[in-house]
Amino acid sequence: MGEYKNLEIRQEENIGWIIINRPDKLNALNQETIKELHKAFSSFQDDSRIKAVLLKGSGEKAFVAGADIKELSGLDSSSGKKYVLEGQELMSLIENFRKPVIAAVNGYALGGGTELALACHIRIASDNAKMGQPEVKLGLIPGFGGTQRLPRLVGKGVAMEMILSGKTINAQEALRIGLVNKVVSQEELIPTCEALAREIIAGGPKAVEYCIKSINKGLDRPLDEGLLLEAELFGEVCSTQDSKEGTKAFLEKRKPEFQGR
């Protein structure tokens, strides 16, 4: 899977793990780490053995504490735009990933850390998680999708309050506003994420892929256009071997053997 300086990559059965490993920087995202994450996700995208991806930060203190402030301090108008476009490209890759991506949010997930979690399909937080978009306190704005994905997930008013105040919220508040799907103890975080990944993997891989696509592409369309997209994708998935196997297995009262085709 290649050599990585800032990531730990491993595979456990059909689950791929991507662990951001910069503990001395609280796993902050620098440009090198962003490039490595892009490489790691791309490799998992093309690996047929991987059915789901789990993303976490190393240690107990942080998922991703934010972007690398030292890098941010040297940006100007041109380099700033280039910097965030590279980050946005990574977030879009994750959001539109064909396989489910689950963020295991442990500890601090601020700025780019919240934005990285927002790009994942599902977010499970430990009870010590702290999330927020504190960029205004640095005289900046979120640049890796925070001003776009956060209001789509939690609503405009709540997102405005979080982004304009730059405040940090705890795990229970993140759960209340819908920023995370579930809050568990630190000891339960990894087992919970793994159990959810296995539950999703039990479904047809092509069906999971098409569900992700339908939700992502249809969410911001008018309802009638979204329903038409759903109908088109339903028609496409009906022609897959997985759909034939799934319906046949149900009628024969046996467990399906999906091939991802």
Protein backbone atom coordinates (compact mmCIF):
# COMPACT_ATOMS: atom_id res chain seq x y z
CA MET A 1 0.00 0.00 0.00
CA GLY A 2 3.03 2.25 -0.25
CA GLU A 3 5.05 4.10 2.35
CA TYR A 4 3.53 6.96 4.31
CA LYS A 5 5.24 9.40 6.62
CA ASN A 6 2.16 10.78 8.36
CA LEU A 7 -0.33 7.92 8.05
CA GLU A 8 -0.69 4.38 9.31
CA ILE A 9 -2.49 2.17 6.80
CA ARG A 10 -3.77 -1.30 7.50
CA GLN A 11 -6.38 -3.80 6.35
CA GLU A 12 -8.44 -6.03 8.64
CA GLU A 13 -10.54 -8.44 6.60
CA ASN A 14 -12.59 -6.19 4.28
CA ILE A 15 -12.07 -3.01 6.31
CA GLY A 16 -9.36 -0.52 5.45
CA TRP A 17 -7.98 1.67 8.23
CA ILE A 18 -6.45 5.10 7.62
CA ILE A 19 -4.90 6.54 10.78
CA ILE A 20 -3.48 10.06 10.76
CA ASN A 21 -0.26 9.74 12.72
CA ARG A 22 1.22 13.11 13.69
CA PRO A 23 0.77 12.90 17.48
CA ASP A 24 3.31 15.65 18.20
CA LYS A 25 1.12 18.03 16.12
CA LEU A 26 -2.19 16.60 17.37
CA ASN A 27 -2.58 15.08 13.88
CA ALA A 28 -2.89 18.52 12.24
CA LEU A 29 -3.34 18.53 8.47
CA ASN A 30 -0.34 19.87 6.60
CA GLN A 31 0.05 19.74 2.83
CA GLU A 32 2.10 16.57 2.99
CA THR A 33 -0.59 14.79 5.02
CA ILE A 34 -3.31 15.97 2.64
CA LYS A 35 -1.38 14.48 -0.29
CA GLU A 36 -0.85 11.22 1.61
CA LEU A 37 -4.55 11.00 2.48
CA HIS A 38 -5.42 11.47 -1.19
CA LYS A 39 -3.01 8.67 -2.10
CA ALA A 40 -4.35 6.34 0.61
CA PHE A 41 -8.01 6.85 -0.26
CA SER A 42 -7.26 6.41 -3.97
CA SER A 43 -5.50 3.11 -3.27
CA PHE A 44 -8.44 1.84 -1.21
CA GLN A 45 -10.85 2.96 -3.94
CA ASP A 46 -9.10 0.65 -6.40
CA ASP A 47 -8.65 -2.28 -3.98
CA SER A 48 -11.52 -4.74 -4.46
CA ARG A 49 -10.72 -6.37 -1.12
CA ILE A 50 -11.66 -3.18 0.76
CA LYS A 51 -15.42 -2.80 1.31
CA ALA A 52 -15.40 0.03 3.89
CA VAL A 53 -12.90 2.57 5.21
CA LEU A 54 -12.46 3.74 8.81
CA LEU A 55 -10.63 7.01 9.45
CA LYS A 56 -9.20 8.08 12.81
CA GLY A 57 -6.42 10.07 14.43
CA SER A 58 -3.63 8.42 16.41
CA GLY A 59 -3.72 8.61 20.20
CA GLU A 60 -6.54 9.72 22.48
CA LYS A 61 -6.13 13.50 22.26
CA ALA A 62 -7.10 14.32 18.70
CA PHE A 63 -8.80 13.14 15.54
CA VAL A 64 -7.34 16.12 13.66
CA ALA A 65 -6.74 19.29 15.69
CA GLY A 66 -6.94 21.47 12.58
CA ALA A 67 -4.76 22.67 9.76
CA ASP A 68 -1.06 23.35 10.21
CA ILE A 69 -1.04 26.99 11.42
CA LYS A 70 2.59 27.45 10.41
CA GLU A 71 1.67 26.74 6.79
CA LEU A 72 -1.38 29.01 6.96
CA SER A 73 0.66 31.95 8.22
CA GLY A 74 2.65 32.20 4.99
CA LEU A 75 -0.25 32.18 2.52
CA ASP A 76 -1.25 35.04 0.24
CA SER A 77 -4.24 35.42 -2.08
CA SER A 78 -2.90 33.11 -4.79
CA SER A 79 -1.24 30.47 -2.60
CA GLY A 80 -4.21 30.51 -0.20
CA LYS A 81 -6.65 29.61 -2.95
CA LYS A 82 -4.34 26.86 -4.23
CA TYR A 83 -3.94 25.51 -0.70
CA VAL A 84 -7.66 25.18 -0.04
CA LEU A 85 -8.44 23.80 -3.50
CA GLU A 86 -6.07 20.90 -2.79
CA GLY A 87 -7.81 20.31 0.53
CA GLN A 88 -11.24 20.54 -1.07
CA GLU A 89 -10.20 17.98 -3.69
CA LEU A 90 -9.40 15.51 -0.90
CA MET A 91 -12.72 16.19 0.86
CA SER A 92 -14.65 15.68 -2.38
CA LEU A 93 -12.81 12.40 -2.99
CA ILE A 94 -13.90 11.18 0.45
CA GLU A 95 -17.48 12.47 0.16
CA ASN A 96 -17.97 10.78 -3.21
CA PHE A 97 -16.05 7.63 -2.29
CA ARG A 98 -17.76 4.56 -3.71
CA LYS A 99 -17.34 2.69 -0.42
CA PRO A 100 -18.64 3.81 2.98
CA VAL A 101 -16.23 5.99 4.96
CA ILE A 102 -16.72 6.18 8.73
CA ALA A 103 -14.95 8.79 10.84
CA ALA A 104 -13.98 7.69 14.35
CA VAL A 105 -13.80 11.12 15.98
CA ASN A 106 -11.60 10.89 19.06
CA GLY A 107 -10.64 14.06 20.93
CA TYR A 108 -10.12 17.35 19.13
CA ALA A 109 -11.58 17.70 15.62
CA LEU A 110 -11.29 21.41 14.95
CA GLY A 111 -11.17 23.43 11.74
CA GLY A 112 -9.84 21.07 9.08
CA GLY A 113 -10.57 18.19 11.47
CA THR A 114 -14.29 18.98 11.54
CA GLU A 115 -14.20 19.49 7.78
CA LEU A 116 -12.51 16.11 7.30
CA ALA A 117 -15.19 14.46 9.45
CA LEU A 118 -17.92 16.30 7.50
CA ALA A 119 -16.63 14.77 4.25
CA CYS A 120 -17.02 11.24 5.66
CA HIS A 121 -20.35 9.47 5.17
CA ILE A 122 -20.87 8.67 8.87
CA ARG A 123 -19.35 10.17 12.04
CA ILE A 124 -19.09 8.30 15.35
CA ALA A 125 -17.66 10.34 18.23
CA SER A 126 -16.11 9.36 21.52
CA ASP A 127 -17.36 11.17 24.61
CA ASN A 128 -14.18 13.28 24.74
CA ALA A 129 -14.67 14.69 21.23
CA LYS A 130 -14.47 18.46 20.72
CA MET A 131 -15.57 19.89 17.37
CA GLY A 132 -15.76 23.34 15.83
CA GLN A 133 -14.70 25.79 13.12
CA PRO A 134 -12.48 28.32 14.95
CA GLU A 135 -11.00 29.90 11.81
CA VAL A 136 -12.48 33.37 12.50
CA LYS A 137 -10.30 33.56 15.62
CA LEU A 138 -7.30 33.46 13.27
CA GLY A 139 -8.82 36.05 10.94
CA LEU A 140 -9.63 33.30 8.42
CA ILE A 141 -12.65 31.38 7.14
CA PRO A 142 -13.09 27.61 6.81
CA GLY A 143 -11.57 26.53 3.51
CA PHE A 144 -11.94 22.75 3.24
CA GLY A 145 -15.73 22.82 2.84
CA GLY A 146 -16.89 23.94 6.28
CA THR A 147 -19.04 26.84 5.05
CA GLN A 148 -20.76 24.49 2.59
CA ARG A 149 -21.06 21.06 4.22
CA LEU A 150 -21.79 22.17 7.79
CA PRO A 151 -24.99 24.14 6.95
CA ARG A 152 -26.15 21.32 4.69
CA LEU A 153 -25.79 18.91 7.61
CA VAL A 154 -26.94 20.90 10.66
CA GLY A 155 -28.89 23.78 9.09
CA LYS A 156 -27.99 27.35 8.20
CA GLY A 157 -28.68 28.98 11.57
CA VAL A 158 -26.70 26.48 13.64
CA ALA A 159 -23.82 26.54 11.15
CA MET A 160 -23.79 30.35 11.16
CA GLU A 161 -23.53 30.37 14.96
CA MET A 162 -20.72 27.81 15.04
CA ILE A 163 -18.68 29.36 12.22
CA LEU A 164 -19.15 33.04 13.15
CA SER A 165 -18.44 32.48 16.85
CA GLY A 166 -15.67 29.97 16.26
CA LYS A 167 -16.86 28.14 19.36
CA THR A 168 -15.95 24.57 20.24
CA ILE A 169 -18.75 22.13 21.08
CA ASN A 170 -18.61 18.85 22.97
CA ALA A 171 -19.70 15.43 21.74
CA GLN A 172 -23.21 15.59 23.18
CA GLU A 173 -23.87 18.96 21.55
CA ALA A 174 -22.51 17.61 18.26
CA LEU A 175 -24.98 14.73 18.58
CA ARG A 176 -27.87 17.06 19.41
CA ILE A 177 -27.38 19.19 16.30
CA GLY A 178 -26.81 16.18 14.03
CA LEU A 179 -23.11 16.77 13.42
CA VAL A 180 -22.32 13.21 14.55
CA ASN A 181 -24.41 10.06 14.31
CA LYS A 182 -23.61 8.58 17.70
CA VAL A 183 -21.55 9.19 20.85
CA VAL A 184 -19.89 6.31 22.68
CA SER A 185 -17.20 5.91 25.32
CA GLN A 186 -13.56 6.07 24.24
CA GLU A 187 -13.28 2.32 24.81
CA GLU A 188 -16.30 1.63 22.60
CA LEU A 189 -15.33 3.93 19.73
CA ILE A 190 -13.33 1.52 17.58
CA PRO A 191 -15.53 -1.57 18.22
CA THR A 192 -18.63 0.52 17.41
CA CYS A 193 -17.15 1.77 14.13
CA GLU A 194 -16.01 -1.72 13.16
CA ALA A 195 -19.41 -3.23 13.95
CA LEU A 196 -21.16 -0.58 11.83
CA ALA A 197 -18.73 -1.16 8.96
CA ARG A 198 -19.42 -4.91 9.05
CA GLU A 199 -23.18 -4.25 9.13
CA ILE A 200 -22.89 -2.11 5.99
CA ILE A 201 -20.55 -4.59 4.28
CA ALA A 202 -23.22 -7.28 4.69
CA GLY A 203 -25.27 -5.46 2.06
CA GLY A 204 -24.57 -5.56 -1.65
CA PRO A 205 -21.44 -3.50 -2.47
CA LYS A 206 -22.94 -2.09 -5.67
CA ALA A 207 -26.13 -1.19 -3.84
CA VAL A 208 -24.14 0.63 -1.14
CA GLU A 209 -22.21 2.48 -3.84
CA TYR A 210 -25.39 3.56 -5.61
CA CYS A 211 -27.03 4.65 -2.33
CA ILE A 212 -24.07 6.94 -1.60
CA LYS A 213 -24.26 8.36 -5.11
CA SER A 214 -28.03 8.90 -4.97
CA ILE A 215 -27.91 10.69 -1.62
CA ASN A 216 -24.92 12.87 -2.52
CA LYS A 217 -26.12 13.83 -6.00
CA GLY A 218 -29.79 14.18 -5.14
CA LEU A 219 -29.65 16.06 -1.84
CA ASP A 220 -29.33 19.56 -3.29
CA ARG A 221 -31.65 19.03 -6.24
CA PRO A 222 -35.39 19.77 -6.27
CA LEU A 223 -37.32 16.71 -5.04
CA ASP A 224 -38.65 15.79 -8.49
CA GLU A 225 -35.13 15.82 -9.94
CA GLY A 226 -33.82 13.82 -7.01
CA LEU A 227 -36.55 11.22 -7.48
CA LEU A 228 -35.72 10.95 -11.17
CA LEU A 229 -32.05 10.39 -10.28
CA GLU A 230 -33.09 7.70 -7.80
CA ALA A 231 -35.19 6.00 -10.48
CA GLU A 232 -32.30 6.06 -12.93
CA LEU A 233 -29.87 4.59 -10.41
CA PHE A 234 -32.44 1.99 -9.33
CA GLY A 235 -32.70 0.90 -12.96
CA GLU A 236 -28.93 0.66 -13.23
CA VAL A 237 -28.55 -1.37 -10.06
CA CYS A 238 -31.25 -3.79 -11.23
CA SER A 239 -28.89 -4.90 -13.99
CA THR A 240 -26.08 -5.84 -11.58
CA GLN A 241 -25.21 -9.40 -10.62
CA ASP A 242 -25.51 -8.41 -6.96
CA SER A 243 -29.19 -7.51 -7.33
CA LYS A 244 -29.91 -10.82 -9.04
CA GLU A 245 -28.05 -12.69 -6.30
CA GLY A 246 -29.71 -10.71 -3.48
CA THR A 247 -33.26 -11.27 -4.66
CA LYS A 248 -32.59 -14.91 -5.52
CA ALA A 249 -31.04 -15.56 -2.11
CA PHE A 250 -34.06 -13.98 -0.39
CA LEU A 251 -36.48 -16.19 -2.30
CA GLU A 252 -34.34 -19.25 -1.57
CA LYS A 253 -34.10 -18.26 2.12
CA ARG A 254 -30.29 -18.24 2.20
CA LYS A 255 -27.53 -15.72 2.80
CA PRO A 256 -26.52 -13.86 -0.38
CA GLU A 257 -23.00 -14.11 -1.74
CA PHE A 258 -22.36 -10.69 -3.21
CA GLN A 259 -19.46 -10.22 -5.64
CA GLY A 260 -19.59 -6.46 -6.06
CA ARG A 261 -20.57 -6.74 -9.72
